[in-house]
Amino acid sequence: MELGHNVMHGQYDFMNDPKFSGANFEWDNACAAPLWKHYHNYMHHTYTNILGKDHDVGYNLVRMDEKQPWAPSDLFNLPKTAALALLF
């Protein structure tokens, strides 16, 4: 996923290798490449961590904004965030 993520950002376009071209790369993921590019490259990177705009905030793995409802599992935000950092 990390390699696909970077390819879809166009990080490897300088190589001029069609299989690593961000413009035509397709991966076996939960959504099609054009949808991912819109929601991740545009929505996430334009509106990072803004509730209601950044869909990554909506996954509710960690509470990112005071407007999000609090849940008892939010007591573990620090270890959950550390685990996410290690996994990514």
PDB file of N, CA and C in Angstrom:
ATOM      1  N   MET A   1       0.825  -1.189   0.000  1.00  0.00           N
ATOM      2  CA  MET A   1       0.000   0.000   0.000  1.00  0.00           C
ATOM      3  C   MET A   1       0.873   1.257   0.000  1.00  0.00           C
ATOM      4  N   GLU A   2       1.955   1.228   0.755  1.00  0.00           N
ATOM      5  CA  GLU A   2       2.813   2.413   0.820  1.00  0.00           C
ATOM      6  C   GLU A   2       3.426   2.725  -0.540  1.00  0.00           C
ATOM      7  N   LEU A   3       3.864   1.704  -1.257  1.00  0.00           N
ATOM      8  CA  LEU A   3       4.427   1.925  -2.593  1.00  0.00           C
ATOM      9  C   LEU A   3       3.352   2.492  -3.521  1.00  0.00           C
ATOM     10  N   GLY A   4       2.151   1.879  -3.519  1.00  0.00           N
ATOM     11  CA  GLY A   4       1.053   2.381  -4.347  1.00  0.00           C
ATOM     12  C   GLY A   4       0.689   3.808  -3.992  1.00  0.00           C
ATOM     13  N   HIS A   5       0.687   4.128  -2.703  1.00  0.00           N
ATOM     14  CA  HIS A   5       0.381   5.478  -2.230  1.00  0.00           C
ATOM     15  C   HIS A   5       1.349   6.479  -2.842  1.00  0.00           C
ATOM     16  N   ASN A   6       2.631   6.165  -2.801  1.00  0.00           N
ATOM     17  CA  ASN A   6       3.638   7.083  -3.337  1.00  0.00           C
ATOM     18  C   ASN A   6       3.582   7.163  -4.858  1.00  0.00           C
ATOM     19  N   VAL A   7       3.316   6.038  -5.527  1.00  0.00           N
ATOM     20  CA  VAL A   7       3.180   6.051  -6.985  1.00  0.00           C
ATOM     21  C   VAL A   7       1.994   6.914  -7.384  1.00  0.00           C
ATOM     22  N   MET A   8       0.872   6.775  -6.665  1.00  0.00           N
ATOM     23  CA  MET A   8      -0.329   7.547  -7.000  1.00  0.00           C
ATOM     24  C   MET A   8      -0.123   9.040  -6.770  1.00  0.00           C
ATOM     25  N   HIS A   9       0.807   9.399  -5.902  1.00  0.00           N
ATOM     26  CA  HIS A   9       1.168  10.807  -5.712  1.00  0.00           C
ATOM     27  C   HIS A   9       2.059  11.321  -6.836  1.00  0.00           C
ATOM     28  N   GLY A  10       2.576  10.400  -7.653  1.00  0.00           N
ATOM     29  CA  GLY A  10       3.454  10.795  -8.740  1.00  0.00           C
ATOM     30  C   GLY A  10       4.914  10.873  -8.335  1.00  0.00           C
ATOM     31  N   GLN A  11       5.255  10.280  -7.197  1.00  0.00           N
ATOM     32  CA  GLN A  11       6.610  10.357  -6.680  1.00  0.00           C
ATOM     33  C   GLN A  11       7.635   9.702  -7.606  1.00  0.00           C
ATOM     34  N   TYR A  12       7.209   8.689  -8.369  1.00  0.00           N
ATOM     35  CA  TYR A  12       8.151   7.967  -9.226  1.00  0.00           C
ATOM     36  C   TYR A  12       8.024   8.342 -10.696  1.00  0.00           C
ATOM     37  N   ASP A  13       7.301   9.382 -11.013  1.00  0.00           N
ATOM     38  CA  ASP A  13       7.119   9.791 -12.410  1.00  0.00           C
ATOM     39  C   ASP A  13       8.443  10.133 -13.093  1.00  0.00           C
ATOM     40  N   PHE A  14       9.425  10.580 -12.316  1.00  0.00           N
ATOM     41  CA  PHE A  14      10.725  10.950 -12.892  1.00  0.00           C
ATOM     42  C   PHE A  14      11.423   9.761 -13.550  1.00  0.00           C
ATOM     43  N   MET A  15      11.023   8.514 -13.196  1.00  0.00           N
ATOM     44  CA  MET A  15      11.683   7.324 -13.724  1.00  0.00           C
ATOM     45  C   MET A  15      11.292   7.022 -15.171  1.00  0.00           C
ATOM     46  N   ASN A  16      10.202   7.638 -15.636  1.00  0.00           N
ATOM     47  CA  ASN A  16       9.691   7.388 -16.988  1.00  0.00           C
ATOM     48  C   ASN A  16       9.419   5.906 -17.246  1.00  0.00           C
ATOM     49  N   ASP A  17       9.034   5.176 -16.215  1.00  0.00           N
ATOM     50  CA  ASP A  17       8.657   3.767 -16.327  1.00  0.00           C
ATOM     51  C   ASP A  17       7.138   3.708 -16.244  1.00  0.00           C
ATOM     52  N   PRO A  18       6.458   3.220 -17.298  1.00  0.00           N
ATOM     53  CA  PRO A  18       4.992   3.240 -17.315  1.00  0.00           C
ATOM     54  C   PRO A  18       4.339   2.523 -16.133  1.00  0.00           C
ATOM     55  N   LYS A  19       4.977   1.487 -15.602  1.00  0.00           N
ATOM     56  CA  LYS A  19       4.337   0.772 -14.490  1.00  0.00           C
ATOM     57  C   LYS A  19       4.407   1.555 -13.175  1.00  0.00           C
ATOM     58  N   PHE A  20       5.250   2.590 -13.133  1.00  0.00           N
ATOM     59  CA  PHE A  20       5.327   3.439 -11.943  1.00  0.00           C
ATOM     60  C   PHE A  20       4.845   4.855 -12.216  1.00  0.00           C
ATOM     61  N   SER A  21       4.076   5.031 -13.282  1.00  0.00           N
ATOM     62  CA  SER A  21       3.543   6.343 -13.624  1.00  0.00           C
ATOM     63  C   SER A  21       2.286   6.615 -12.807  1.00  0.00           C
ATOM     64  N   GLY A  22       2.283   7.711 -12.087  1.00  0.00           N
ATOM     65  CA  GLY A  22       1.129   8.062 -11.269  1.00  0.00           C
ATOM     66  C   GLY A  22      -0.128   8.317 -12.094  1.00  0.00           C
ATOM     67  N   ALA A  23       0.042   8.677 -13.364  1.00  0.00           N
ATOM     68  CA  ALA A  23      -1.107   8.999 -14.222  1.00  0.00           C
ATOM     69  C   ALA A  23      -1.897   7.762 -14.629  1.00  0.00           C
ATOM     70  N   ASN A  24      -1.224   6.619 -14.775  1.00  0.00           N
ATOM     71  CA  ASN A  24      -1.965   5.438 -15.249  1.00  0.00           C
ATOM     72  C   ASN A  24      -1.829   4.231 -14.331  1.00  0.00           C
ATOM     73  N   PHE A  25      -1.317   4.435 -13.116  1.00  0.00           N
ATOM     74  CA  PHE A  25      -1.153   3.336 -12.164  1.00  0.00           C
ATOM     75  C   PHE A  25      -2.514   2.916 -11.621  1.00  0.00           C
ATOM     76  N   GLU A  26      -2.753   1.633 -11.580  1.00  0.00           N
ATOM     77  CA  GLU A  26      -3.987   1.086 -10.982  1.00  0.00           C
ATOM     78  C   GLU A  26      -3.548   0.043  -9.975  1.00  0.00           C
ATOM     79  N   TRP A  27      -4.188   0.030  -8.834  1.00  0.00           N
ATOM     80  CA  TRP A  27      -3.812  -0.937  -7.809  1.00  0.00           C
ATOM     81  C   TRP A  27      -5.023  -1.712  -7.337  1.00  0.00           C
ATOM     82  N   ASP A  28      -4.746  -2.825  -6.720  1.00  0.00           N
ATOM     83  CA  ASP A  28      -5.797  -3.683  -6.173  1.00  0.00           C
ATOM     84  C   ASP A  28      -6.082  -3.199  -4.756  1.00  0.00           C
ATOM     85  N   ASN A  29      -6.996  -2.228  -4.678  1.00  0.00           N
ATOM     86  CA  ASN A  29      -7.290  -1.591  -3.403  1.00  0.00           C
ATOM     87  C   ASN A  29      -8.791  -1.490  -3.230  1.00  0.00           C
ATOM     88  N   ALA A  30      -9.211  -0.878  -2.165  1.00  0.00           N
ATOM     89  CA  ALA A  30     -10.632  -0.764  -1.848  1.00  0.00           C
ATOM     90  C   ALA A  30     -11.398   0.127  -2.812  1.00  0.00           C
ATOM     91  N   CYS A  31     -10.713   0.996  -3.539  1.00  0.00           N
ATOM     92  CA  CYS A  31     -11.393   1.877  -4.483  1.00  0.00           C
ATOM     93  C   CYS A  31     -10.539   2.065  -5.730  1.00  0.00           C
ATOM     94  N   ALA A  32     -11.172   2.517  -6.777  1.00  0.00           N
ATOM     95  CA  ALA A  32     -10.462   2.751  -8.041  1.00  0.00           C
ATOM     96  C   ALA A  32      -9.492   3.928  -7.899  1.00  0.00           C
ATOM     97  N   ALA A  33      -8.432   3.899  -8.692  1.00  0.00           N
ATOM     98  CA  ALA A  33      -7.383   4.920  -8.610  1.00  0.00           C
ATOM     99  C   ALA A  33      -7.915   6.349  -8.753  1.00  0.00           C
ATOM    100  N   PRO A  34      -8.805   6.637  -9.721  1.00  0.00           N
ATOM    101  CA  PRO A  34      -9.282   8.030  -9.834  1.00  0.00           C
ATOM    102  C   PRO A  34     -10.026   8.510  -8.578  1.00  0.00           C
ATOM    103  N   LEU A  35     -10.782   7.625  -7.942  1.00  0.00           N
ATOM    104  CA  LEU A  35     -11.484   8.009  -6.706  1.00  0.00           C
ATOM    105  C   LEU A  35     -10.485   8.274  -5.589  1.00  0.00           C
ATOM    106  N   TRP A  36      -9.499   7.392  -5.463  1.00  0.00           N
ATOM    107  CA  TRP A  36      -8.491   7.566  -4.425  1.00  0.00           C
ATOM    108  C   TRP A  36      -7.740   8.872  -4.639  1.00  0.00           C
ATOM    109  N   LYS A  37      -7.376   9.146  -5.882  1.00  0.00           N
ATOM    110  CA  LYS A  37      -6.639  10.372  -6.178  1.00  0.00           C
ATOM    111  C   LYS A  37      -7.445  11.608  -5.779  1.00  0.00           C
ATOM    112  N   HIS A  38      -8.754  11.571  -6.032  1.00  0.00           N
ATOM    113  CA  HIS A  38      -9.584  12.723  -5.664  1.00  0.00           C
ATOM    114  C   HIS A  38      -9.686  12.856  -4.144  1.00  0.00           C
ATOM    115  N   TYR A  39     -10.068  11.760  -3.488  1.00  0.00           N
ATOM    116  CA  TYR A  39     -10.296  11.852  -2.040  1.00  0.00           C
ATOM    117  C   TYR A  39      -9.017  11.994  -1.247  1.00  0.00           C
ATOM    118  N   HIS A  40      -7.936  11.372  -1.706  1.00  0.00           N
ATOM    119  CA  HIS A  40      -6.699  11.482  -0.933  1.00  0.00           C
ATOM    120  C   HIS A  40      -5.871  12.684  -1.370  1.00  0.00           C
ATOM    121  N   ASN A  41      -5.520  12.735  -2.647  1.00  0.00           N
ATOM    122  CA  ASN A  41      -4.643  13.820  -3.116  1.00  0.00           C
ATOM    123  C   ASN A  41      -5.307  15.188  -2.988  1.00  0.00           C
ATOM    124  N   TYR A  42      -6.560  15.270  -3.350  1.00  0.00           N
ATOM    125  CA  TYR A  42      -7.214  16.582  -3.310  1.00  0.00           C
ATOM    126  C   TYR A  42      -7.851  16.851  -1.947  1.00  0.00           C
ATOM    127  N   MET A  43      -8.814  16.021  -1.553  1.00  0.00           N
ATOM    128  CA  MET A  43      -9.567  16.312  -0.326  1.00  0.00           C
ATOM    129  C   MET A  43      -8.690  16.226   0.930  1.00  0.00           C
ATOM    130  N   HIS A  44      -7.921  15.155   1.062  1.00  0.00           N
ATOM    131  CA  HIS A  44      -7.124  14.986   2.276  1.00  0.00           C
ATOM    132  C   HIS A  44      -5.981  16.000   2.344  1.00  0.00           C
ATOM    133  N   HIS A  45      -5.269  16.186   1.254  1.00  0.00           N
ATOM    134  CA  HIS A  45      -4.117  17.084   1.312  1.00  0.00           C
ATOM    135  C   HIS A  45      -4.497  18.556   1.239  1.00  0.00           C
ATOM    136  N   THR A  46      -5.680  18.853   0.757  1.00  0.00           N
ATOM    137  CA  THR A  46      -6.145  20.245   0.758  1.00  0.00           C
ATOM    138  C   THR A  46      -6.759  20.609   2.100  1.00  0.00           C
ATOM    139  N   TYR A  47      -7.497  19.670   2.709  1.00  0.00           N
ATOM    140  CA  TYR A  47      -8.243  19.935   3.943  1.00  0.00           C
ATOM    141  C   TYR A  47      -7.802  19.001   5.071  1.00  0.00           C
ATOM    142  N   THR A  48      -6.507  18.828   5.241  1.00  0.00           N
ATOM    143  CA  THR A  48      -5.986  17.876   6.228  1.00  0.00           C
ATOM    144  C   THR A  48      -6.534  18.155   7.616  1.00  0.00           C
ATOM    145  N   ASN A  49      -7.163  17.121   8.194  1.00  0.00           N
ATOM    146  CA  ASN A  49      -7.699  17.120   9.558  1.00  0.00           C
ATOM    147  C   ASN A  49      -8.802  18.136   9.810  1.00  0.00           C
ATOM    148  N   ILE A  50      -9.484  18.581   8.763  1.00  0.00           N
ATOM    149  CA  ILE A  50     -10.624  19.482   8.939  1.00  0.00           C
ATOM    150  C   ILE A  50     -11.891  18.635   8.920  1.00  0.00           C
ATOM    151  N   LEU A  51     -12.575  18.617  10.036  1.00  0.00           N
ATOM    152  CA  LEU A  51     -13.783  17.804  10.192  1.00  0.00           C
ATOM    153  C   LEU A  51     -14.826  18.206   9.157  1.00  0.00           C
ATOM    154  N   GLY A  52     -15.381  17.234   8.474  1.00  0.00           N
ATOM    155  CA  GLY A  52     -16.386  17.474   7.454  1.00  0.00           C
ATOM    156  C   GLY A  52     -15.805  17.645   6.058  1.00  0.00           C
ATOM    157  N   LYS A  53     -14.490  17.835   5.948  1.00  0.00           N
ATOM    158  CA  LYS A  53     -13.829  17.995   4.648  1.00  0.00           C
ATOM    159  C   LYS A  53     -12.850  16.853   4.383  1.00  0.00           C
ATOM    160  N   ASP A  54     -12.031  16.523   5.378  1.00  0.00           N
ATOM    161  CA  ASP A  54     -11.031  15.461   5.247  1.00  0.00           C
ATOM    162  C   ASP A  54     -11.684  14.141   5.658  1.00  0.00           C
ATOM    163  N   HIS A  55     -11.890  13.265   4.688  1.00  0.00           N
ATOM    164  CA  HIS A  55     -12.553  11.990   4.976  1.00  0.00           C
ATOM    165  C   HIS A  55     -11.709  11.092   5.875  1.00  0.00           C
ATOM    166  N   ASP A  56     -10.385  11.302   5.933  1.00  0.00           N
ATOM    167  CA  ASP A  56      -9.551  10.509   6.829  1.00  0.00           C
ATOM    168  C   ASP A  56      -9.925  10.747   8.289  1.00  0.00           C
ATOM    169  N   VAL A  57     -10.404  11.935   8.622  1.00  0.00           N
ATOM    170  CA  VAL A  57     -10.856  12.212   9.985  1.00  0.00           C
ATOM    171  C   VAL A  57     -12.113  11.389  10.283  1.00  0.00           C
ATOM    172  N   GLY A  58     -12.914  11.145   9.279  1.00  0.00           N
ATOM    173  CA  GLY A  58     -14.180  10.444   9.459  1.00  0.00           C
ATOM    174  C   GLY A  58     -14.059   8.969   9.771  1.00  0.00           C
ATOM    175  N   TYR A  59     -12.854   8.406   9.717  1.00  0.00           N
ATOM    176  CA  TYR A  59     -12.714   6.979  10.019  1.00  0.00           C
ATOM    177  C   TYR A  59     -12.827   6.707  11.507  1.00  0.00           C
ATOM    178  N   ASN A  60     -12.723   7.746  12.322  1.00  0.00           N
ATOM    179  CA  ASN A  60     -12.926   7.666  13.771  1.00  0.00           C
ATOM    180  C   ASN A  60     -11.995   6.699  14.486  1.00  0.00           C
ATOM    181  N   LEU A  61     -10.791   6.501  13.951  1.00  0.00           N
ATOM    182  CA  LEU A  61      -9.819   5.691  14.677  1.00  0.00           C
ATOM    183  C   LEU A  61      -9.308   6.453  15.890  1.00  0.00           C
ATOM    184  N   VAL A  62      -9.093   7.747  15.696  1.00  0.00           N
ATOM    185  CA  VAL A  62      -8.713   8.627  16.797  1.00  0.00           C
ATOM    186  C   VAL A  62      -9.559   9.891  16.702  1.00  0.00           C
ATOM    187  N   ARG A  63      -9.816  10.492  17.843  1.00  0.00           N
ATOM    188  CA  ARG A  63     -10.581  11.743  17.865  1.00  0.00           C
ATOM    189  C   ARG A  63      -9.638  12.876  17.498  1.00  0.00           C
ATOM    190  N   MET A  64      -9.965  13.587  16.410  1.00  0.00           N
ATOM    191  CA  MET A  64      -9.077  14.609  15.868  1.00  0.00           C
ATOM    192  C   MET A  64      -9.562  16.034  16.138  1.00  0.00           C
ATOM    193  N   ASP A  65     -10.828  16.166  16.505  1.00  0.00           N
ATOM    194  CA  ASP A  65     -11.410  17.501  16.615  1.00  0.00           C
ATOM    195  C   ASP A  65     -12.353  17.534  17.807  1.00  0.00           C
ATOM    196  N   GLU A  66     -12.382  18.649  18.506  1.00  0.00           N
ATOM    197  CA  GLU A  66     -13.257  18.771  19.684  1.00  0.00           C
ATOM    198  C   GLU A  66     -14.735  18.678  19.310  1.00  0.00           C
ATOM    199  N   LYS A  67     -15.070  18.868  18.031  1.00  0.00           N
ATOM    200  CA  LYS A  67     -16.463  18.760  17.599  1.00  0.00           C
ATOM    201  C   LYS A  67     -16.893  17.310  17.398  1.00  0.00           C
ATOM    202  N   GLN A  68     -15.926  16.387  17.348  1.00  0.00           N
ATOM    203  CA  GLN A  68     -16.273  14.974  17.250  1.00  0.00           C
ATOM    204  C   GLN A  68     -16.777  14.504  18.611  1.00  0.00           C
ATOM    205  N   PRO A  69     -17.815  13.671  18.617  1.00  0.00           N
ATOM    206  CA  PRO A  69     -18.308  13.166  19.903  1.00  0.00           C
ATOM    207  C   PRO A  69     -17.224  12.369  20.628  1.00  0.00           C
ATOM    208  N   TRP A  70     -17.154  12.562  21.928  1.00  0.00           N
ATOM    209  CA  TRP A  70     -16.170  11.847  22.727  1.00  0.00           C
ATOM    210  C   TRP A  70     -16.679  10.446  23.016  1.00  0.00           C
ATOM    211  N   ALA A  71     -15.779   9.481  23.038  1.00  0.00           N
ATOM    212  CA  ALA A  71     -16.105   8.097  23.392  1.00  0.00           C
ATOM    213  C   ALA A  71     -15.036   7.603  24.365  1.00  0.00           C
ATOM    214  N   PRO A  72     -15.367   6.640  25.236  1.00  0.00           N
ATOM    215  CA  PRO A  72     -14.365   6.138  26.187  1.00  0.00           C
ATOM    216  C   PRO A  72     -13.088   5.623  25.506  1.00  0.00           C
ATOM    217  N   SER A  73     -13.204   5.104  24.292  1.00  0.00           N
ATOM    218  CA  SER A  73     -12.018   4.611  23.586  1.00  0.00           C
ATOM    219  C   SER A  73     -11.041   5.742  23.251  1.00  0.00           C
ATOM    220  N   ASP A  74     -11.500   6.990  23.333  1.00  0.00           N
ATOM    221  CA  ASP A  74     -10.627   8.131  23.067  1.00  0.00           C
ATOM    222  C   ASP A  74      -9.551   8.290  24.145  1.00  0.00           C
ATOM    223  N   LEU A  75      -9.735   7.638  25.280  1.00  0.00           N
ATOM    224  CA  LEU A  75      -8.695   7.646  26.308  1.00  0.00           C
ATOM    225  C   LEU A  75      -7.410   6.998  25.791  1.00  0.00           C
ATOM    226  N   PHE A  76      -7.533   6.171  24.759  1.00  0.00           N
ATOM    227  CA  PHE A  76      -6.389   5.451  24.201  1.00  0.00           C
ATOM    228  C   PHE A  76      -5.873   6.095  22.914  1.00  0.00           C
ATOM    229  N   ASN A  77      -6.203   7.365  22.677  1.00  0.00           N
ATOM    230  CA  ASN A  77      -5.762   8.043  21.454  1.00  0.00           C
ATOM    231  C   ASN A  77      -4.244   8.027  21.296  1.00  0.00           C
ATOM    232  N   LEU A  78      -3.516   8.257  22.358  1.00  0.00           N
ATOM    233  CA  LEU A  78      -2.057   8.301  22.256  1.00  0.00           C
ATOM    234  C   LEU A  78      -1.492   6.942  21.816  1.00  0.00           C
ATOM    235  N   PRO A  79      -1.845   5.821  22.477  1.00  0.00           N
ATOM    236  CA  PRO A  79      -1.319   4.539  21.999  1.00  0.00           C
ATOM    237  C   PRO A  79      -1.838   4.161  20.606  1.00  0.00           C
ATOM    238  N   LYS A  80      -3.092   4.527  20.295  1.00  0.00           N
ATOM    239  CA  LYS A  80      -3.620   4.227  18.953  1.00  0.00           C
ATOM    240  C   LYS A  80      -2.849   5.010  17.892  1.00  0.00           C
ATOM    241  N   THR A  81      -2.539   6.267  18.185  1.00  0.00           N
ATOM    242  CA  THR A  81      -1.782   7.079  17.236  1.00  0.00           C
ATOM    243  C   THR A  81      -0.365   6.528  17.069  1.00  0.00           C
ATOM    244  N   ALA A  82       0.252   6.105  18.155  1.00  0.00           N
ATOM    245  CA  ALA A  82       1.599   5.519  18.066  1.00  0.00           C
ATOM    246  C   ALA A  82       1.568   4.241  17.234  1.00  0.00           C
ATOM    247  N   ALA A  83       0.556   3.403  17.438  1.00  0.00           N
ATOM    248  CA  ALA A  83       0.433   2.164  16.656  1.00  0.00           C
ATOM    249  C   ALA A  83       0.237   2.479  15.181  1.00  0.00           C
ATOM    250  N   LEU A  84      -0.593   3.476  14.870  1.00  0.00           N
ATOM    251  CA  LEU A  84      -0.790   3.861  13.472  1.00  0.00           C
ATOM    252  C   LEU A  84       0.514   4.353  12.844  1.00  0.00           C
ATOM    253  N   ALA A  85       1.290   5.114  13.600  1.00  0.00           N
ATOM    254  CA  ALA A  85       2.563   5.619  13.081  1.00  0.00           C
ATOM    255  C   ALA A  85       3.516   4.458  12.797  1.00  0.00           C
ATOM    256  N   LEU A  86       3.531   3.466  13.649  1.00  0.00           N
ATOM    257  CA  LEU A  86       4.410   2.306  13.428  1.00  0.00           C
ATOM    258  C   LEU A  86       3.949   1.470  12.237  1.00  0.00           C
ATOM    259  N   LEU A  87       2.638   1.361  12.053  1.00  0.00           N
ATOM    260  CA  LEU A  87       2.103   0.551  10.962  1.00  0.00           C
ATOM    261  C   LEU A  87       2.301   1.221   9.610  1.00  0.00           C
ATOM    262  N   PHE A  88       2.302   2.558   9.586  1.00  0.00           N
ATOM    263  CA  PHE A  88       2.453   3.260   8.316  1.00  0.00           C
ATOM    264  C   PHE A  88       3.885   3.665   8.101  1.00  0.00           C
TER     265      PHE A  88
END
